[in-house]
N, C-alpha and C. Protein backbone atom coordinates (compact mmCIF):
# COMPACT_ATOMS: atom_id res chain seq x y z
N UNK A 1 -21.15 2.68 22.74
CA UNK A 1 -20.25 2.58 21.60
C UNK A 1 -20.53 1.29 20.84
N UNK A 2 -20.55 1.37 19.53
CA UNK A 2 -20.74 0.20 18.70
C UNK A 2 -19.50 -0.68 18.79
N UNK A 3 -19.72 -1.96 18.97
CA UNK A 3 -18.58 -2.89 19.01
C UNK A 3 -17.88 -2.90 17.67
N UNK A 4 -16.56 -2.87 17.74
CA UNK A 4 -15.75 -2.87 16.52
C UNK A 4 -15.35 -4.31 16.20
N UNK A 5 -16.11 -4.92 15.30
CA UNK A 5 -15.95 -6.33 14.96
C UNK A 5 -15.91 -6.48 13.45
N UNK A 6 -15.09 -7.40 12.98
CA UNK A 6 -15.08 -7.74 11.55
C UNK A 6 -14.93 -9.24 11.40
N UNK A 7 -15.56 -9.76 10.38
CA UNK A 7 -15.47 -11.19 10.06
C UNK A 7 -15.28 -11.31 8.55
N UNK A 8 -14.17 -11.93 8.15
CA UNK A 8 -13.85 -12.04 6.73
C UNK A 8 -13.42 -13.46 6.41
N UNK A 9 -13.89 -13.95 5.27
CA UNK A 9 -13.47 -15.25 4.75
C UNK A 9 -12.77 -15.04 3.41
N UNK A 10 -11.78 -15.86 3.16
CA UNK A 10 -11.04 -15.76 1.89
C UNK A 10 -10.63 -17.17 1.48
N UNK A 11 -10.97 -17.52 0.24
CA UNK A 11 -10.63 -18.85 -0.25
C UNK A 11 -9.90 -18.73 -1.58
N UNK A 12 -8.73 -19.38 -1.66
CA UNK A 12 -7.97 -19.45 -2.91
C UNK A 12 -7.63 -20.92 -3.15
N UNK A 13 -6.88 -21.18 -4.19
CA UNK A 13 -6.43 -22.55 -4.44
C UNK A 13 -5.39 -23.00 -3.41
N UNK A 14 -4.83 -22.04 -2.66
CA UNK A 14 -3.78 -22.37 -1.69
C UNK A 14 -4.26 -22.37 -0.25
N UNK A 15 -5.27 -21.53 0.06
CA UNK A 15 -5.72 -21.42 1.45
C UNK A 15 -7.22 -21.19 1.52
N UNK A 16 -7.80 -21.63 2.63
CA UNK A 16 -9.20 -21.38 2.96
C UNK A 16 -9.19 -20.81 4.37
N UNK A 17 -9.50 -19.51 4.50
CA UNK A 17 -9.30 -18.79 5.76
C UNK A 17 -10.59 -18.14 6.21
N UNK A 18 -10.85 -18.19 7.52
CA UNK A 18 -11.94 -17.46 8.14
C UNK A 18 -11.40 -16.81 9.41
N UNK A 19 -11.57 -15.50 9.52
CA UNK A 19 -11.10 -14.77 10.70
C UNK A 19 -12.22 -13.88 11.21
N UNK A 20 -12.41 -13.90 12.52
CA UNK A 20 -13.30 -12.97 13.20
C UNK A 20 -12.47 -12.22 14.24
N UNK A 21 -12.55 -10.90 14.21
CA UNK A 21 -11.75 -10.06 15.09
C UNK A 21 -12.64 -9.04 15.78
N UNK A 22 -12.56 -9.00 17.10
CA UNK A 22 -13.30 -8.02 17.89
C UNK A 22 -12.32 -7.19 18.71
N UNK A 23 -12.25 -5.89 18.41
CA UNK A 23 -11.26 -5.03 19.05
C UNK A 23 -11.61 -4.69 20.49
N UNK A 24 -12.87 -4.80 20.86
CA UNK A 24 -13.30 -4.42 22.20
C UNK A 24 -13.70 -5.64 23.02
N UNK A 25 -12.84 -6.65 22.97
CA UNK A 25 -13.16 -7.92 23.61
C UNK A 25 -12.35 -8.19 24.86
N UNK A 26 -12.21 -9.47 25.13
CA UNK A 26 -11.49 -9.93 26.32
C UNK A 26 -10.34 -10.85 25.97
N UNK A 27 -9.95 -10.90 24.70
CA UNK A 27 -8.84 -11.75 24.30
C UNK A 27 -9.21 -13.22 24.22
N UNK A 28 -10.48 -13.50 23.98
CA UNK A 28 -10.90 -14.90 23.86
C UNK A 28 -10.93 -15.30 22.40
N UNK A 29 -10.92 -16.58 22.14
CA UNK A 29 -11.01 -17.06 20.76
C UNK A 29 -10.27 -18.35 20.55
N UNK A 30 -10.27 -18.79 19.29
CA UNK A 30 -9.61 -20.04 18.91
C UNK A 30 -8.72 -19.78 17.71
N UNK A 31 -7.57 -20.42 17.74
CA UNK A 31 -6.61 -20.33 16.64
C UNK A 31 -6.36 -21.74 16.12
N UNK A 32 -6.53 -21.94 14.81
CA UNK A 32 -6.25 -23.24 14.20
C UNK A 32 -5.77 -23.04 12.77
N UNK A 33 -4.44 -23.03 12.60
CA UNK A 33 -3.85 -22.85 11.27
C UNK A 33 -3.21 -24.13 10.75
N UNK A 34 -3.08 -25.13 11.62
CA UNK A 34 -2.36 -26.34 11.24
C UNK A 34 -0.85 -26.20 11.37
N UNK A 35 -0.40 -25.05 11.86
CA UNK A 35 1.04 -24.77 12.02
C UNK A 35 1.28 -24.47 13.49
N UNK A 36 1.81 -25.43 14.21
CA UNK A 36 1.93 -25.34 15.66
C UNK A 36 2.57 -24.07 16.18
N UNK A 37 3.77 -23.74 15.70
CA UNK A 37 4.48 -22.56 16.19
C UNK A 37 3.72 -21.29 15.85
N UNK A 38 3.14 -21.21 14.66
CA UNK A 38 2.40 -20.03 14.26
C UNK A 38 1.12 -19.88 15.09
N UNK A 39 0.46 -21.00 15.38
CA UNK A 39 -0.69 -20.95 16.30
C UNK A 39 -0.28 -20.33 17.63
N UNK A 40 0.89 -20.72 18.12
CA UNK A 40 1.41 -20.18 19.38
C UNK A 40 1.60 -18.67 19.28
N UNK A 41 2.17 -18.18 18.19
CA UNK A 41 2.39 -16.74 18.00
C UNK A 41 1.05 -16.00 17.91
N UNK A 42 0.11 -16.53 17.16
CA UNK A 42 -1.19 -15.89 17.03
C UNK A 42 -1.97 -15.93 18.34
N UNK A 43 -1.78 -16.97 19.11
CA UNK A 43 -2.41 -17.05 20.43
C UNK A 43 -1.84 -15.98 21.36
N UNK A 44 -0.52 -15.79 21.29
CA UNK A 44 0.10 -14.70 22.07
C UNK A 44 -0.50 -13.36 21.65
N UNK A 45 -0.65 -13.16 20.34
CA UNK A 45 -1.24 -11.93 19.83
C UNK A 45 -2.65 -11.74 20.40
N UNK A 46 -3.45 -12.80 20.37
CA UNK A 46 -4.83 -12.72 20.88
C UNK A 46 -4.85 -12.33 22.36
N UNK A 47 -4.05 -13.02 23.16
CA UNK A 47 -4.05 -12.78 24.61
C UNK A 47 -3.54 -11.39 24.95
N UNK A 48 -2.42 -10.99 24.36
CA UNK A 48 -1.78 -9.74 24.76
C UNK A 48 -2.41 -8.50 24.13
N UNK A 49 -3.17 -8.67 23.06
CA UNK A 49 -3.91 -7.54 22.49
C UNK A 49 -5.24 -7.34 23.21
N UNK A 50 -5.78 -8.43 23.75
CA UNK A 50 -7.12 -8.37 24.31
C UNK A 50 -8.20 -8.41 23.25
N UNK A 51 -7.80 -8.60 21.99
CA UNK A 51 -8.78 -8.69 20.90
C UNK A 51 -9.38 -10.09 20.88
N UNK A 52 -10.69 -10.17 20.80
CA UNK A 52 -11.32 -11.48 20.58
C UNK A 52 -10.96 -11.90 19.16
N UNK A 53 -10.35 -13.09 19.04
CA UNK A 53 -9.76 -13.47 17.76
C UNK A 53 -10.01 -14.94 17.48
N UNK A 54 -10.75 -15.20 16.41
CA UNK A 54 -10.91 -16.56 15.89
C UNK A 54 -10.22 -16.61 14.54
N UNK A 55 -9.27 -17.55 14.39
CA UNK A 55 -8.56 -17.71 13.12
C UNK A 55 -8.57 -19.18 12.75
N UNK A 56 -9.12 -19.45 11.56
CA UNK A 56 -9.11 -20.80 11.02
C UNK A 56 -8.46 -20.74 9.64
N UNK A 57 -7.54 -21.67 9.40
CA UNK A 57 -6.92 -21.75 8.07
C UNK A 57 -6.67 -23.20 7.71
N UNK A 58 -7.10 -23.57 6.53
CA UNK A 58 -6.71 -24.85 5.94
C UNK A 58 -5.89 -24.48 4.71
N UNK A 59 -4.60 -24.72 4.79
CA UNK A 59 -3.70 -24.30 3.73
C UNK A 59 -2.90 -25.45 3.15
N UNK A 60 -2.15 -25.13 2.11
CA UNK A 60 -1.32 -26.14 1.45
C UNK A 60 0.02 -26.31 2.19
N UNK A 61 -0.09 -26.65 3.46
CA UNK A 61 1.11 -26.75 4.31
C UNK A 61 1.98 -27.95 3.95
N UNK A 62 1.49 -28.83 3.11
CA UNK A 62 2.36 -29.90 2.62
C UNK A 62 3.41 -29.33 1.67
N UNK A 63 3.11 -28.18 1.05
CA UNK A 63 4.08 -27.49 0.20
C UNK A 63 5.08 -26.79 1.10
N UNK A 64 4.61 -25.82 1.86
CA UNK A 64 5.32 -25.17 2.95
C UNK A 64 4.32 -24.26 3.65
N UNK A 65 4.79 -23.42 4.58
CA UNK A 65 3.87 -22.61 5.37
C UNK A 65 3.67 -21.20 4.82
N UNK A 66 4.38 -20.86 3.76
CA UNK A 66 4.39 -19.48 3.28
C UNK A 66 3.00 -18.96 2.92
N UNK A 67 2.25 -19.72 2.12
CA UNK A 67 0.94 -19.25 1.68
C UNK A 67 0.00 -19.03 2.87
N UNK A 68 0.01 -19.96 3.81
CA UNK A 68 -0.88 -19.83 4.97
C UNK A 68 -0.52 -18.61 5.80
N UNK A 69 0.76 -18.43 6.09
CA UNK A 69 1.20 -17.32 6.93
C UNK A 69 0.86 -15.98 6.28
N UNK A 70 1.20 -15.84 5.01
CA UNK A 70 0.95 -14.56 4.32
C UNK A 70 -0.55 -14.31 4.17
N UNK A 71 -1.31 -15.31 3.79
CA UNK A 71 -2.74 -15.12 3.57
C UNK A 71 -3.49 -14.82 4.87
N UNK A 72 -3.06 -15.42 5.96
CA UNK A 72 -3.67 -15.09 7.26
C UNK A 72 -3.41 -13.63 7.59
N UNK A 73 -2.20 -13.15 7.32
CA UNK A 73 -1.89 -11.74 7.58
C UNK A 73 -2.75 -10.82 6.71
N UNK A 74 -2.98 -11.23 5.46
CA UNK A 74 -3.84 -10.44 4.57
C UNK A 74 -5.23 -10.29 5.18
N UNK A 75 -5.82 -11.41 5.58
CA UNK A 75 -7.19 -11.38 6.11
C UNK A 75 -7.24 -10.70 7.47
N UNK A 76 -6.24 -10.94 8.33
CA UNK A 76 -6.21 -10.28 9.63
C UNK A 76 -6.09 -8.77 9.45
N UNK A 77 -5.26 -8.34 8.51
CA UNK A 77 -5.14 -6.92 8.22
C UNK A 77 -6.45 -6.33 7.73
N UNK A 78 -7.14 -7.04 6.84
CA UNK A 78 -8.44 -6.59 6.35
C UNK A 78 -9.45 -6.49 7.48
N UNK A 79 -9.42 -7.46 8.39
CA UNK A 79 -10.33 -7.43 9.55
C UNK A 79 -10.04 -6.21 10.43
N UNK A 80 -8.77 -5.96 10.69
CA UNK A 80 -8.40 -4.81 11.51
C UNK A 80 -8.88 -3.50 10.88
N UNK A 81 -8.63 -3.37 9.60
CA UNK A 81 -9.06 -2.15 8.88
C UNK A 81 -10.58 -1.99 8.90
N UNK A 82 -11.28 -3.08 8.66
CA UNK A 82 -12.75 -3.05 8.66
C UNK A 82 -13.30 -2.73 10.03
N UNK A 83 -12.77 -3.38 11.06
CA UNK A 83 -13.26 -3.16 12.42
C UNK A 83 -13.03 -1.72 12.89
N UNK A 84 -11.97 -1.09 12.41
CA UNK A 84 -11.67 0.29 12.81
C UNK A 84 -12.58 1.31 12.14
N UNK A 85 -13.19 0.96 11.02
CA UNK A 85 -14.10 1.89 10.35
C UNK A 85 -13.39 3.17 9.96
N UNK A 86 -13.98 4.32 10.34
CA UNK A 86 -13.38 5.60 9.96
C UNK A 86 -12.28 6.04 10.92
N UNK A 87 -12.01 5.23 11.95
CA UNK A 87 -10.94 5.46 12.93
C UNK A 87 -11.21 6.66 13.84
N UNK A 88 -12.42 7.09 13.90
CA UNK A 88 -12.79 8.23 14.73
C UNK A 88 -12.48 7.96 16.20
N UNK A 89 -11.72 8.88 16.79
CA UNK A 89 -11.44 8.82 18.22
C UNK A 89 -10.29 7.93 18.64
N UNK A 90 -9.69 7.19 17.71
CA UNK A 90 -8.62 6.27 18.13
C UNK A 90 -7.36 7.04 18.53
N UNK A 91 -6.55 6.40 19.36
CA UNK A 91 -5.28 6.98 19.77
C UNK A 91 -4.32 7.10 18.58
N UNK A 92 -4.34 6.14 17.70
CA UNK A 92 -3.62 6.09 16.42
C UNK A 92 -2.18 5.61 16.53
N UNK A 93 -1.39 6.16 17.43
CA UNK A 93 0.03 5.83 17.55
C UNK A 93 0.30 4.96 18.77
N UNK A 94 1.36 4.16 18.68
CA UNK A 94 1.80 3.41 19.86
C UNK A 94 3.26 3.02 19.69
N UNK A 95 3.92 2.86 20.80
CA UNK A 95 5.33 2.48 20.84
C UNK A 95 5.53 1.59 22.06
N UNK A 96 5.81 0.32 21.83
CA UNK A 96 5.89 -0.66 22.92
C UNK A 96 7.16 -1.50 22.77
N UNK A 97 7.89 -1.67 23.87
CA UNK A 97 9.03 -2.59 23.91
C UNK A 97 8.69 -3.72 24.87
N UNK A 98 8.95 -4.94 24.45
CA UNK A 98 8.62 -6.14 25.24
C UNK A 98 9.84 -7.05 25.32
N UNK A 99 10.20 -7.47 26.54
CA UNK A 99 11.26 -8.46 26.68
C UNK A 99 10.72 -9.88 26.67
N UNK A 100 11.51 -10.81 26.20
CA UNK A 100 11.24 -12.23 26.36
C UNK A 100 12.58 -12.87 26.66
N UNK A 101 12.83 -13.12 27.91
CA UNK A 101 14.13 -13.61 28.37
C UNK A 101 15.25 -12.70 27.85
N UNK A 102 16.16 -13.20 27.03
CA UNK A 102 17.31 -12.39 26.59
C UNK A 102 16.97 -11.45 25.43
N UNK A 103 15.78 -11.59 24.86
CA UNK A 103 15.39 -10.80 23.68
C UNK A 103 14.56 -9.59 24.09
N UNK A 104 14.77 -8.49 23.37
CA UNK A 104 13.98 -7.28 23.58
C UNK A 104 13.58 -6.74 22.21
N UNK A 105 12.28 -6.66 21.98
CA UNK A 105 11.76 -6.18 20.70
C UNK A 105 10.91 -4.94 20.92
N UNK A 106 10.98 -4.03 19.95
CA UNK A 106 10.21 -2.79 20.03
C UNK A 106 9.36 -2.66 18.77
N UNK A 107 8.07 -2.37 18.97
CA UNK A 107 7.15 -2.13 17.87
C UNK A 107 6.59 -0.72 18.01
N UNK A 108 6.76 0.06 16.96
CA UNK A 108 6.24 1.42 16.90
C UNK A 108 5.32 1.47 15.68
N UNK A 109 4.11 1.96 15.88
CA UNK A 109 3.18 1.94 14.74
C UNK A 109 2.28 3.16 14.70
N UNK A 110 1.75 3.36 13.52
CA UNK A 110 0.82 4.44 13.24
C UNK A 110 -0.30 3.85 12.37
N UNK A 111 -1.51 3.93 12.86
CA UNK A 111 -2.65 3.47 12.07
C UNK A 111 -3.00 4.62 11.12
N UNK A 112 -2.20 4.75 10.10
CA UNK A 112 -2.18 5.93 9.24
C UNK A 112 -2.96 5.77 7.95
N UNK A 113 -3.20 4.53 7.56
CA UNK A 113 -3.73 4.27 6.22
C UNK A 113 -2.64 4.22 5.17
N UNK A 114 -1.40 4.48 5.58
CA UNK A 114 -0.25 4.45 4.66
C UNK A 114 0.62 3.26 5.04
N UNK A 115 0.48 2.14 4.34
CA UNK A 115 1.25 0.95 4.71
C UNK A 115 2.74 1.11 4.44
N UNK A 116 3.52 0.79 5.46
CA UNK A 116 4.97 0.80 5.32
C UNK A 116 5.54 -0.07 6.43
N UNK A 117 6.48 -0.94 6.06
CA UNK A 117 7.11 -1.81 7.05
C UNK A 117 8.60 -1.53 7.10
N UNK A 118 9.10 -1.30 8.30
CA UNK A 118 10.54 -1.32 8.59
C UNK A 118 10.75 -2.50 9.52
N UNK A 119 11.58 -3.44 9.11
CA UNK A 119 11.78 -4.69 9.87
C UNK A 119 13.28 -4.84 10.14
N UNK A 120 13.73 -4.26 11.23
CA UNK A 120 15.14 -4.33 11.61
C UNK A 120 15.36 -5.52 12.54
N UNK A 121 15.21 -6.68 11.97
CA UNK A 121 15.32 -7.94 12.72
C UNK A 121 16.01 -8.95 11.82
N UNK A 122 16.97 -9.66 12.36
CA UNK A 122 17.55 -10.78 11.63
C UNK A 122 17.00 -12.06 12.24
N UNK A 123 16.20 -12.75 11.45
CA UNK A 123 15.61 -14.03 11.87
C UNK A 123 15.86 -15.05 10.77
N UNK A 124 16.72 -15.98 11.03
CA UNK A 124 17.04 -17.02 10.07
C UNK A 124 16.87 -18.38 10.72
N UNK A 125 16.77 -19.39 9.90
CA UNK A 125 16.65 -20.75 10.42
C UNK A 125 15.22 -21.08 10.79
N UNK A 126 15.09 -22.06 11.65
CA UNK A 126 13.76 -22.57 12.00
C UNK A 126 13.59 -22.68 13.50
N UNK A 127 12.34 -22.62 13.91
CA UNK A 127 11.93 -23.05 15.23
C UNK A 127 11.00 -24.22 14.97
N UNK A 128 11.43 -25.41 15.38
CA UNK A 128 10.71 -26.60 14.97
C UNK A 128 10.78 -26.70 13.46
N UNK A 129 9.62 -26.76 12.80
CA UNK A 129 9.61 -26.81 11.33
C UNK A 129 9.12 -25.50 10.72
N UNK A 130 9.12 -24.43 11.52
CA UNK A 130 8.64 -23.12 11.08
C UNK A 130 9.82 -22.25 10.65
N UNK A 131 9.81 -21.78 9.38
CA UNK A 131 10.84 -20.88 8.89
C UNK A 131 10.63 -19.50 9.50
N UNK A 132 11.61 -19.06 10.29
CA UNK A 132 11.47 -17.79 10.99
C UNK A 132 11.41 -16.59 10.07
N UNK A 133 11.92 -16.70 8.84
CA UNK A 133 11.84 -15.57 7.93
C UNK A 133 10.41 -15.28 7.48
N UNK A 134 9.48 -16.20 7.75
CA UNK A 134 8.08 -15.96 7.43
C UNK A 134 7.46 -14.87 8.32
N UNK A 135 8.10 -14.58 9.45
CA UNK A 135 7.57 -13.54 10.32
C UNK A 135 7.61 -12.18 9.62
N UNK A 136 8.68 -11.92 8.88
CA UNK A 136 8.73 -10.66 8.13
C UNK A 136 7.65 -10.64 7.05
N UNK A 137 7.40 -11.76 6.40
CA UNK A 137 6.35 -11.82 5.38
C UNK A 137 4.98 -11.54 6.01
N UNK A 138 4.76 -12.10 7.18
CA UNK A 138 3.50 -11.86 7.90
C UNK A 138 3.33 -10.38 8.20
N UNK A 139 4.37 -9.77 8.74
CA UNK A 139 4.28 -8.36 9.13
C UNK A 139 4.08 -7.45 7.91
N UNK A 140 4.72 -7.78 6.80
CA UNK A 140 4.56 -6.97 5.58
C UNK A 140 3.11 -7.02 5.09
N UNK A 141 2.56 -8.23 4.99
CA UNK A 141 1.18 -8.37 4.52
C UNK A 141 0.20 -7.72 5.49
N UNK A 142 0.43 -7.84 6.79
CA UNK A 142 -0.43 -7.20 7.78
C UNK A 142 -0.40 -5.69 7.62
N UNK A 143 0.80 -5.15 7.49
CA UNK A 143 0.97 -3.70 7.33
C UNK A 143 0.21 -3.20 6.10
N UNK A 144 0.37 -3.89 4.99
CA UNK A 144 -0.26 -3.47 3.74
C UNK A 144 -1.78 -3.50 3.85
N UNK A 145 -2.33 -4.58 4.36
CA UNK A 145 -3.78 -4.77 4.32
C UNK A 145 -4.51 -4.10 5.48
N UNK A 146 -3.80 -3.78 6.56
CA UNK A 146 -4.41 -3.01 7.65
C UNK A 146 -4.19 -1.51 7.46
N UNK A 147 -3.23 -1.14 6.60
CA UNK A 147 -2.90 0.26 6.42
C UNK A 147 -2.08 0.81 7.57
N UNK A 148 -1.10 0.03 8.00
CA UNK A 148 -0.25 0.42 9.14
C UNK A 148 1.12 0.87 8.68
N UNK A 149 1.62 1.94 9.28
CA UNK A 149 3.05 2.22 9.24
C UNK A 149 3.60 1.46 10.45
N UNK A 150 4.46 0.48 10.18
CA UNK A 150 4.86 -0.48 11.20
C UNK A 150 6.38 -0.60 11.23
N UNK A 151 6.96 -0.23 12.37
CA UNK A 151 8.41 -0.33 12.57
C UNK A 151 8.66 -1.39 13.64
N UNK A 152 9.42 -2.41 13.28
CA UNK A 152 9.75 -3.48 14.21
C UNK A 152 11.26 -3.54 14.34
N UNK A 153 11.74 -3.33 15.56
CA UNK A 153 13.17 -3.29 15.81
C UNK A 153 13.53 -4.30 16.90
N UNK A 154 14.47 -5.17 16.58
CA UNK A 154 15.04 -6.04 17.60
C UNK A 154 16.17 -5.27 18.27
N UNK A 155 16.01 -4.99 19.53
CA UNK A 155 17.05 -4.27 20.28
C UNK A 155 18.23 -5.21 20.51
N UNK A 156 17.91 -6.42 20.97
CA UNK A 156 18.90 -7.49 21.09
C UNK A 156 18.18 -8.80 21.34
N UNK A 157 18.93 -9.88 21.19
CA UNK A 157 18.38 -11.22 21.39
C UNK A 157 19.06 -12.20 20.47
N UNK A 158 19.07 -13.47 20.84
CA UNK A 158 19.71 -14.47 19.98
C UNK A 158 18.90 -15.75 19.81
N UNK A 159 17.91 -15.98 20.63
CA UNK A 159 17.08 -17.18 20.51
C UNK A 159 15.89 -16.84 19.61
N UNK A 160 15.78 -17.55 18.48
CA UNK A 160 14.74 -17.24 17.50
C UNK A 160 13.33 -17.31 18.07
N UNK A 161 13.06 -18.30 18.89
CA UNK A 161 11.73 -18.44 19.49
C UNK A 161 11.44 -17.24 20.38
N UNK A 162 12.41 -16.85 21.20
CA UNK A 162 12.21 -15.72 22.11
C UNK A 162 12.03 -14.41 21.34
N UNK A 163 12.81 -14.23 20.27
CA UNK A 163 12.69 -13.03 19.46
C UNK A 163 11.29 -12.95 18.85
N UNK A 164 10.82 -14.06 18.28
CA UNK A 164 9.49 -14.09 17.68
C UNK A 164 8.41 -13.77 18.71
N UNK A 165 8.52 -14.35 19.89
CA UNK A 165 7.54 -14.07 20.95
C UNK A 165 7.53 -12.61 21.33
N UNK A 166 8.72 -12.04 21.50
CA UNK A 166 8.80 -10.63 21.88
C UNK A 166 8.15 -9.75 20.81
N UNK A 167 8.37 -10.08 19.55
CA UNK A 167 7.79 -9.30 18.44
C UNK A 167 6.27 -9.39 18.44
N UNK A 168 5.72 -10.60 18.54
CA UNK A 168 4.27 -10.75 18.50
C UNK A 168 3.59 -10.13 19.72
N UNK A 169 4.22 -10.24 20.89
CA UNK A 169 3.66 -9.61 22.08
C UNK A 169 3.70 -8.09 21.96
N UNK A 170 4.81 -7.56 21.45
CA UNK A 170 4.92 -6.10 21.29
C UNK A 170 3.93 -5.59 20.26
N UNK A 171 3.76 -6.33 19.16
CA UNK A 171 2.76 -5.96 18.16
C UNK A 171 1.37 -5.93 18.78
N UNK A 172 1.05 -6.96 19.56
CA UNK A 172 -0.26 -7.04 20.19
C UNK A 172 -0.51 -5.87 21.12
N UNK A 173 0.45 -5.56 21.97
CA UNK A 173 0.29 -4.47 22.92
C UNK A 173 0.22 -3.12 22.22
N UNK A 174 1.03 -2.95 21.16
CA UNK A 174 1.02 -1.69 20.43
C UNK A 174 -0.33 -1.47 19.73
N UNK A 175 -0.84 -2.51 19.07
CA UNK A 175 -2.15 -2.37 18.41
C UNK A 175 -3.25 -2.12 19.43
N UNK A 176 -3.20 -2.83 20.55
CA UNK A 176 -4.20 -2.65 21.60
C UNK A 176 -4.22 -1.20 22.08
N UNK A 177 -3.03 -0.62 22.22
CA UNK A 177 -2.90 0.76 22.66
C UNK A 177 -3.39 1.73 21.59
N UNK A 178 -2.99 1.50 20.34
CA UNK A 178 -3.30 2.44 19.25
C UNK A 178 -4.78 2.48 18.88
N UNK A 179 -5.52 1.39 19.09
CA UNK A 179 -6.94 1.37 18.71
C UNK A 179 -7.85 1.90 19.81
N UNK A 180 -7.28 2.23 20.98
CA UNK A 180 -8.10 2.74 22.08
C UNK A 180 -8.83 4.02 21.66
N UNK A 181 -10.05 4.13 22.10
CA UNK A 181 -10.82 5.34 21.86
C UNK A 181 -10.44 6.36 22.93
N UNK A 182 -9.91 7.49 22.47
CA UNK A 182 -9.44 8.53 23.40
C UNK A 182 -10.08 9.88 23.13
N UNK A 183 -10.95 9.95 22.14
CA UNK A 183 -11.60 11.21 21.80
C UNK A 183 -12.78 10.98 20.90
N UNK A 184 -13.21 12.03 20.21
CA UNK A 184 -14.37 11.91 19.33
C UNK A 184 -14.09 12.45 17.93
N UNK A 185 -12.82 12.68 17.64
CA UNK A 185 -12.44 13.19 16.32
C UNK A 185 -11.52 12.21 15.62
N UNK A 186 -11.45 12.32 14.30
CA UNK A 186 -10.48 11.54 13.54
C UNK A 186 -9.10 12.17 13.77
N UNK A 187 -8.13 11.40 14.28
CA UNK A 187 -6.85 11.98 14.68
C UNK A 187 -5.92 12.25 13.49
N UNK A 188 -6.31 13.24 12.68
CA UNK A 188 -5.52 13.61 11.52
C UNK A 188 -5.80 15.05 11.16
N UNK A 189 -4.75 15.80 10.81
CA UNK A 189 -4.94 17.18 10.37
C UNK A 189 -5.71 17.24 9.04
N UNK A 190 -5.72 16.11 8.32
CA UNK A 190 -6.46 16.04 7.05
C UNK A 190 -7.95 15.82 7.28
N UNK A 191 -8.29 15.37 8.48
CA UNK A 191 -9.70 15.08 8.79
C UNK A 191 -10.14 13.70 8.35
N UNK A 192 -9.19 12.91 7.82
CA UNK A 192 -9.52 11.56 7.37
C UNK A 192 -8.29 10.68 7.50
N UNK A 193 -8.50 9.43 7.88
CA UNK A 193 -7.47 8.40 7.87
C UNK A 193 -7.97 7.29 6.97
N UNK A 194 -7.40 7.17 5.78
CA UNK A 194 -7.91 6.20 4.82
C UNK A 194 -7.26 4.84 5.00
């Protein structure tokens, strides 16, 4: 089987990003966004997905973290879409619930080519200097640029850090499950997943 790998660079006046993503890896890689808490979340994603993931971003974090977080999601989504190619043989769907102490998050997704985000999570305030509402922005941009139908539901939880961890771990496990090769056909009655 050909390794499913993508490497994309994107430079704007706000961010300079390079991401390499390997879907058939061992979860190795380096994360450096200049945003400590976000690095932690992306590292969790790398480890729990098993995707080899290198993410570098130099952004205008002196302004705030919004541009970096959203633009990383754009490029990560593009990498995921590129690495999947025509999606032949993938499982396509996944539904994973992950606990993190008192928090329980569920991610249900379809690698459909039809981007849609349902985000039933209330995340306000900060963890350290990271605005937790940026997590929804990240998920929206990822969904759009990867072509995912993505439903994220917080079952319960009250600690923002724990909720964020549960979400990123559940996303990682769901994507890892959905990209598995389980056959030799494109899993769609249309014969194509765009």
